[in-house]
Amino acid sequence: MIKGFSVFVSVGILSAATAALAADTTHRKMGRIKSVDLMQHVITLDDGSTYKAARGVNLKRIKPGERVTVTTSGFGGTVEASAITPTVD
């Protein structure tokens, strides 16, 4: 009885840990656009950080020098810019 319970608890703990690792995380960062690479679908901010834009993010409207907020989302080990919005100076 105790052995069966300990196996049940162990499976529950492992399942919770796996779900926590796969959880969606969102972060925001403000900066000025340094460059936009339309072929690679990547932007670079003035601090040197680069972000691969997710599908559906329109990079054609983003211009170097523009101040933006980059919202990144991660799931399953992949982090992408899910939104890039203009920020007021």
N, C-alpha and C. Protein backbone atom coordinates (compact mmCIF):
# COMPACT_ATOMS: atom_id res chain seq x y z
N MET A 1 0.82 -1.19 0.00
CA MET A 1 0.00 0.00 0.00
C MET A 1 0.87 1.26 0.00
N ILE A 2 1.88 1.30 0.89
CA ILE A 2 2.76 2.47 0.98
C ILE A 2 3.60 2.58 -0.28
N LYS A 3 4.07 1.45 -0.81
CA LYS A 3 4.87 1.47 -2.02
C LYS A 3 4.07 2.04 -3.19
N GLY A 4 2.83 1.65 -3.33
CA GLY A 4 1.97 2.16 -4.40
C GLY A 4 1.72 3.65 -4.25
N PHE A 5 1.56 4.11 -3.03
CA PHE A 5 1.35 5.53 -2.77
C PHE A 5 2.58 6.34 -3.13
N SER A 6 3.78 5.83 -2.81
CA SER A 6 5.01 6.56 -3.11
C SER A 6 5.23 6.66 -4.62
N VAL A 7 4.85 5.64 -5.38
CA VAL A 7 4.96 5.70 -6.83
C VAL A 7 3.99 6.76 -7.37
N PHE A 8 2.80 6.81 -6.83
CA PHE A 8 1.79 7.78 -7.24
C PHE A 8 2.29 9.20 -6.96
N VAL A 9 2.88 9.45 -5.81
CA VAL A 9 3.40 10.76 -5.45
C VAL A 9 4.57 11.12 -6.36
N SER A 10 5.45 10.18 -6.65
CA SER A 10 6.60 10.44 -7.52
C SER A 10 6.14 10.84 -8.92
N VAL A 11 5.16 10.16 -9.46
CA VAL A 11 4.63 10.48 -10.79
C VAL A 11 4.01 11.87 -10.77
N GLY A 12 3.30 12.20 -9.71
CA GLY A 12 2.69 13.53 -9.60
C GLY A 12 3.73 14.63 -9.56
N ILE A 13 4.80 14.43 -8.83
CA ILE A 13 5.86 15.43 -8.74
C ILE A 13 6.54 15.61 -10.09
N LEU A 14 6.83 14.52 -10.78
CA LEU A 14 7.47 14.60 -12.10
C LEU A 14 6.55 15.29 -13.12
N SER A 15 5.28 15.01 -13.06
CA SER A 15 4.32 15.65 -13.97
C SER A 15 4.26 17.15 -13.73
N ALA A 16 4.25 17.57 -12.48
CA ALA A 16 4.21 18.99 -12.15
C ALA A 16 5.48 19.70 -12.62
N ALA A 17 6.62 19.06 -12.46
CA ALA A 17 7.89 19.66 -12.88
C ALA A 17 7.93 19.82 -14.40
N THR A 18 7.44 18.83 -15.11
CA THR A 18 7.41 18.90 -16.58
C THR A 18 6.49 20.02 -17.04
N ALA A 19 5.34 20.15 -16.42
CA ALA A 19 4.40 21.20 -16.79
C ALA A 19 4.99 22.57 -16.50
N ALA A 20 5.71 22.71 -15.41
CA ALA A 20 6.31 23.99 -15.07
C ALA A 20 7.38 24.38 -16.09
N LEU A 21 8.16 23.44 -16.56
CA LEU A 21 9.19 23.73 -17.56
C LEU A 21 8.60 24.11 -18.90
N ALA A 22 7.46 23.55 -19.23
CA ALA A 22 6.85 23.80 -20.52
C ALA A 22 5.90 25.00 -20.49
N ALA A 23 5.74 25.63 -19.33
CA ALA A 23 4.80 26.74 -19.19
C ALA A 23 5.22 27.93 -20.07
N ASP A 24 4.23 28.62 -20.56
CA ASP A 24 4.44 29.79 -21.39
C ASP A 24 4.91 30.95 -20.51
N THR A 25 6.02 31.60 -20.89
CA THR A 25 6.52 32.75 -20.16
C THR A 25 6.57 33.94 -21.09
N THR A 26 6.18 35.11 -20.57
CA THR A 26 6.15 36.33 -21.37
C THR A 26 6.98 37.40 -20.68
N HIS A 27 7.79 38.10 -21.47
CA HIS A 27 8.61 39.20 -20.95
C HIS A 27 8.50 40.37 -21.91
N ARG A 28 8.72 41.58 -21.38
CA ARG A 28 8.71 42.79 -22.21
C ARG A 28 10.04 43.53 -22.06
N LYS A 29 10.51 44.10 -23.16
CA LYS A 29 11.73 44.89 -23.14
C LYS A 29 11.56 46.08 -24.06
N MET A 30 11.97 47.25 -23.59
CA MET A 30 11.89 48.45 -24.40
C MET A 30 13.27 48.78 -24.96
N GLY A 31 13.29 49.33 -26.16
CA GLY A 31 14.55 49.72 -26.77
C GLY A 31 14.32 50.40 -28.10
N ARG A 32 15.41 50.78 -28.74
CA ARG A 32 15.36 51.42 -30.04
C ARG A 32 15.85 50.43 -31.09
N ILE A 33 15.14 50.36 -32.21
CA ILE A 33 15.50 49.45 -33.29
C ILE A 33 16.82 49.88 -33.92
N LYS A 34 17.76 48.97 -33.96
CA LYS A 34 19.04 49.23 -34.63
C LYS A 34 18.97 48.73 -36.07
N SER A 35 18.42 47.52 -36.25
CA SER A 35 18.29 46.97 -37.61
C SER A 35 17.14 45.98 -37.67
N VAL A 36 16.65 45.78 -38.90
CA VAL A 36 15.58 44.83 -39.18
C VAL A 36 16.04 43.95 -40.33
N ASP A 37 16.06 42.64 -40.12
CA ASP A 37 16.44 41.69 -41.16
C ASP A 37 15.17 40.97 -41.60
N LEU A 38 14.62 41.41 -42.74
CA LEU A 38 13.36 40.83 -43.23
C LEU A 38 13.53 39.40 -43.72
N MET A 39 14.70 39.05 -44.21
CA MET A 39 14.93 37.69 -44.70
C MET A 39 14.97 36.67 -43.56
N GLN A 40 15.65 37.03 -42.47
CA GLN A 40 15.76 36.12 -41.32
C GLN A 40 14.62 36.32 -40.32
N HIS A 41 13.85 37.39 -40.50
CA HIS A 41 12.73 37.75 -39.61
C HIS A 41 13.26 38.03 -38.20
N VAL A 42 14.33 38.86 -38.14
CA VAL A 42 15.02 39.16 -36.88
C VAL A 42 15.18 40.67 -36.75
N ILE A 43 14.99 41.17 -35.51
CA ILE A 43 15.28 42.57 -35.23
C ILE A 43 16.45 42.64 -34.24
N THR A 44 17.18 43.74 -34.30
CA THR A 44 18.26 44.00 -33.35
C THR A 44 17.98 45.34 -32.69
N LEU A 45 18.06 45.37 -31.37
CA LEU A 45 17.88 46.61 -30.63
C LEU A 45 19.23 47.31 -30.47
N ASP A 46 19.18 48.59 -30.06
CA ASP A 46 20.40 49.38 -29.92
C ASP A 46 21.36 48.84 -28.86
N ASP A 47 20.87 48.01 -27.94
CA ASP A 47 21.77 47.42 -26.94
C ASP A 47 22.42 46.13 -27.42
N GLY A 48 22.12 45.73 -28.68
CA GLY A 48 22.72 44.53 -29.26
C GLY A 48 21.89 43.27 -29.13
N SER A 49 20.79 43.33 -28.37
CA SER A 49 19.95 42.13 -28.24
C SER A 49 19.16 41.90 -29.52
N THR A 50 19.04 40.63 -29.90
CA THR A 50 18.33 40.26 -31.12
C THR A 50 17.14 39.39 -30.78
N TYR A 51 16.11 39.51 -31.59
CA TYR A 51 14.88 38.74 -31.39
C TYR A 51 14.37 38.23 -32.71
N LYS A 52 14.04 36.96 -32.76
CA LYS A 52 13.38 36.37 -33.94
C LYS A 52 11.90 36.61 -33.76
N ALA A 53 11.29 37.21 -34.75
CA ALA A 53 9.87 37.52 -34.68
C ALA A 53 9.03 36.29 -35.00
N ALA A 54 7.96 36.14 -34.26
CA ALA A 54 7.04 35.02 -34.47
C ALA A 54 6.27 35.22 -35.77
N ARG A 55 5.69 34.15 -36.26
CA ARG A 55 4.84 34.26 -37.45
C ARG A 55 3.71 35.24 -37.16
N GLY A 56 3.39 36.04 -38.15
CA GLY A 56 2.30 36.99 -37.98
C GLY A 56 2.75 38.37 -37.51
N VAL A 57 4.01 38.50 -37.08
CA VAL A 57 4.53 39.81 -36.67
C VAL A 57 5.03 40.52 -37.93
N ASN A 58 4.46 41.69 -38.22
CA ASN A 58 4.80 42.43 -39.43
C ASN A 58 6.03 43.30 -39.19
N LEU A 59 7.16 42.89 -39.73
CA LEU A 59 8.40 43.65 -39.56
C LEU A 59 8.55 44.77 -40.59
N LYS A 60 7.75 44.75 -41.64
CA LYS A 60 7.88 45.75 -42.70
C LYS A 60 7.53 47.16 -42.21
N ARG A 61 6.75 47.27 -41.17
CA ARG A 61 6.35 48.58 -40.67
C ARG A 61 7.33 49.13 -39.63
N ILE A 62 8.32 48.36 -39.23
CA ILE A 62 9.28 48.76 -38.20
C ILE A 62 10.52 49.36 -38.86
N LYS A 63 10.92 50.53 -38.38
CA LYS A 63 12.05 51.24 -38.98
C LYS A 63 13.18 51.42 -37.97
N PRO A 64 14.44 51.39 -38.42
CA PRO A 64 15.57 51.68 -37.53
C PRO A 64 15.40 53.05 -36.87
N GLY A 65 15.75 53.12 -35.59
CA GLY A 65 15.63 54.35 -34.83
C GLY A 65 14.32 54.45 -34.06
N GLU A 66 13.35 53.63 -34.44
CA GLU A 66 12.04 53.66 -33.77
C GLU A 66 12.14 53.02 -32.39
N ARG A 67 11.50 53.65 -31.40
CA ARG A 67 11.47 53.11 -30.04
C ARG A 67 10.30 52.14 -29.95
N VAL A 68 10.57 50.92 -29.45
CA VAL A 68 9.55 49.87 -29.42
C VAL A 68 9.57 49.12 -28.08
N THR A 69 8.49 48.41 -27.86
CA THR A 69 8.42 47.44 -26.78
C THR A 69 8.33 46.07 -27.43
N VAL A 70 9.26 45.20 -27.07
CA VAL A 70 9.28 43.84 -27.62
C VAL A 70 8.70 42.91 -26.55
N THR A 71 7.66 42.18 -26.92
CA THR A 71 7.07 41.19 -26.03
C THR A 71 7.53 39.83 -26.50
N THR A 72 8.24 39.11 -25.64
CA THR A 72 8.72 37.79 -26.01
C THR A 72 7.91 36.73 -25.29
N SER A 73 7.69 35.64 -25.98
CA SER A 73 6.98 34.50 -25.42
C SER A 73 7.82 33.26 -25.65
N GLY A 74 7.83 32.38 -24.67
CA GLY A 74 8.58 31.15 -24.80
C GLY A 74 7.73 29.95 -24.48
N PHE A 75 7.91 28.90 -25.24
CA PHE A 75 7.20 27.65 -25.00
C PHE A 75 8.07 26.51 -25.50
N GLY A 76 8.35 25.58 -24.64
CA GLY A 76 9.11 24.40 -25.04
C GLY A 76 10.54 24.70 -25.44
N GLY A 77 11.16 25.73 -24.86
CA GLY A 77 12.55 26.03 -25.15
C GLY A 77 12.77 27.02 -26.27
N THR A 78 11.71 27.45 -26.95
CA THR A 78 11.82 28.42 -28.02
C THR A 78 11.30 29.76 -27.55
N VAL A 79 12.08 30.83 -27.74
CA VAL A 79 11.66 32.18 -27.36
C VAL A 79 11.59 33.02 -28.63
N GLU A 80 10.45 33.67 -28.84
CA GLU A 80 10.25 34.52 -30.02
C GLU A 80 9.61 35.83 -29.60
N ALA A 81 9.77 36.85 -30.43
CA ALA A 81 9.09 38.12 -30.24
C ALA A 81 7.67 37.94 -30.75
N SER A 82 6.72 37.87 -29.83
CA SER A 82 5.33 37.65 -30.21
C SER A 82 4.63 38.95 -30.57
N ALA A 83 5.21 40.09 -30.14
CA ALA A 83 4.65 41.41 -30.49
C ALA A 83 5.77 42.44 -30.43
N ILE A 84 5.74 43.37 -31.38
CA ILE A 84 6.67 44.50 -31.40
C ILE A 84 5.82 45.73 -31.63
N THR A 85 5.69 46.57 -30.59
CA THR A 85 4.79 47.71 -30.66
C THR A 85 5.56 49.01 -30.45
N PRO A 86 5.15 50.08 -31.16
CA PRO A 86 5.81 51.37 -30.99
C PRO A 86 5.62 51.88 -29.56
N THR A 87 6.63 52.58 -29.05
CA THR A 87 6.57 53.16 -27.72
C THR A 87 6.75 54.66 -27.85
N VAL A 88 5.97 55.41 -27.09
CA VAL A 88 6.07 56.86 -27.11
C VAL A 88 7.33 57.30 -26.37
N ASP A 89 8.11 58.21 -26.96
CA ASP A 89 9.33 58.72 -26.32
C ASP A 89 9.01 59.49 -25.06
